């Protein structure tokens, strides 16, 4: 995951498989809205950003 060209995180392996091939096939950069996580999210899990993937292409469940 990049913001202004700098790496700020990654997509958890548990869901990444659904997005990898559809996103890889795109010819233009893929974007999605994000917001800062709460302080408690950061303190308990290290999560800094919450991403809204609802408009991204996904692979069908197997």
Protein backbone atom coordinates (compact mmCIF):
# COMPACT_ATOMS: atom_id res chain seq x y z
CA UNK A 1 0.00 0.00 0.00
CA UNK A 2 1.39 3.38 -1.02
CA UNK A 3 0.47 6.95 -0.14
CA UNK A 4 2.12 9.72 -2.13
CA UNK A 5 4.66 7.14 -3.35
CA UNK A 6 5.69 6.00 0.15
CA UNK A 7 4.91 2.52 1.50
CA UNK A 8 2.54 2.76 4.46
CA UNK A 9 1.42 -0.85 4.86
CA UNK A 10 0.18 -4.02 3.24
CA UNK A 11 -3.00 -5.99 2.70
CA UNK A 12 -3.41 -8.88 5.14
CA UNK A 13 -2.80 -12.31 3.56
CA UNK A 14 -6.26 -13.49 4.66
CA UNK A 15 -7.91 -11.19 2.11
CA UNK A 16 -5.07 -10.34 -0.30
CA UNK A 17 -5.69 -13.42 -2.47
CA UNK A 18 -9.11 -12.03 -3.51
CA UNK A 19 -7.60 -8.79 -4.81
CA UNK A 20 -4.20 -9.81 -6.21
CA UNK A 21 -5.06 -11.07 -9.72
CA UNK A 22 -7.84 -8.53 -10.48
CA UNK A 23 -5.65 -5.63 -9.35
CA UNK A 24 -2.57 -7.01 -11.13
CA UNK A 25 -4.55 -7.15 -14.39
CA UNK A 26 -5.40 -3.42 -14.26
CA UNK A 27 -3.36 -1.16 -16.51
CA UNK A 28 -3.90 2.01 -14.49
CA UNK A 29 -3.08 2.57 -10.80
CA UNK A 30 -5.71 1.29 -8.38
CA UNK A 31 -6.91 3.69 -5.71
CA UNK A 32 -9.34 3.52 -2.83
CA UNK A 33 -10.50 5.84 -0.05
CA UNK A 34 -8.83 5.52 3.35
CA UNK A 35 -9.06 7.05 6.77
CA UNK A 36 -6.80 7.07 9.77
CA UNK A 37 -7.50 4.33 12.29
CA UNK A 38 -8.40 5.21 15.86
CA UNK A 39 -5.73 5.51 18.53
CA UNK A 40 -7.03 2.31 20.15
CA UNK A 41 -6.66 0.41 16.83
CA UNK A 42 -3.08 1.58 16.61
CA UNK A 43 -2.32 0.69 20.24
CA UNK A 44 -3.83 -2.81 20.06
CA UNK A 45 -2.94 -3.91 16.53
CA UNK A 46 -0.60 -1.37 14.97
CA UNK A 47 -3.23 -0.50 12.33
CA UNK A 48 -2.72 3.04 11.02
CA UNK A 49 -5.09 3.22 8.02
CA UNK A 50 -8.48 1.69 7.25
CA UNK A 51 -9.05 1.14 3.54
CA UNK A 52 -12.40 1.02 1.75
CA UNK A 53 -12.04 -1.75 -0.83
CA UNK A 54 -15.74 -1.82 -1.73
CA UNK A 55 -15.17 -0.44 -5.26
CA UNK A 56 -12.16 -2.66 -6.08
CA UNK A 57 -12.41 -5.75 -8.27
CA UNK A 58 -12.28 -9.05 -6.40
CA UNK A 59 -11.86 -12.68 -7.37
CA UNK A 60 -14.82 -14.98 -6.86
CA UNK A 61 -14.90 -17.09 -3.70
CA UNK A 62 -13.74 -20.62 -4.37
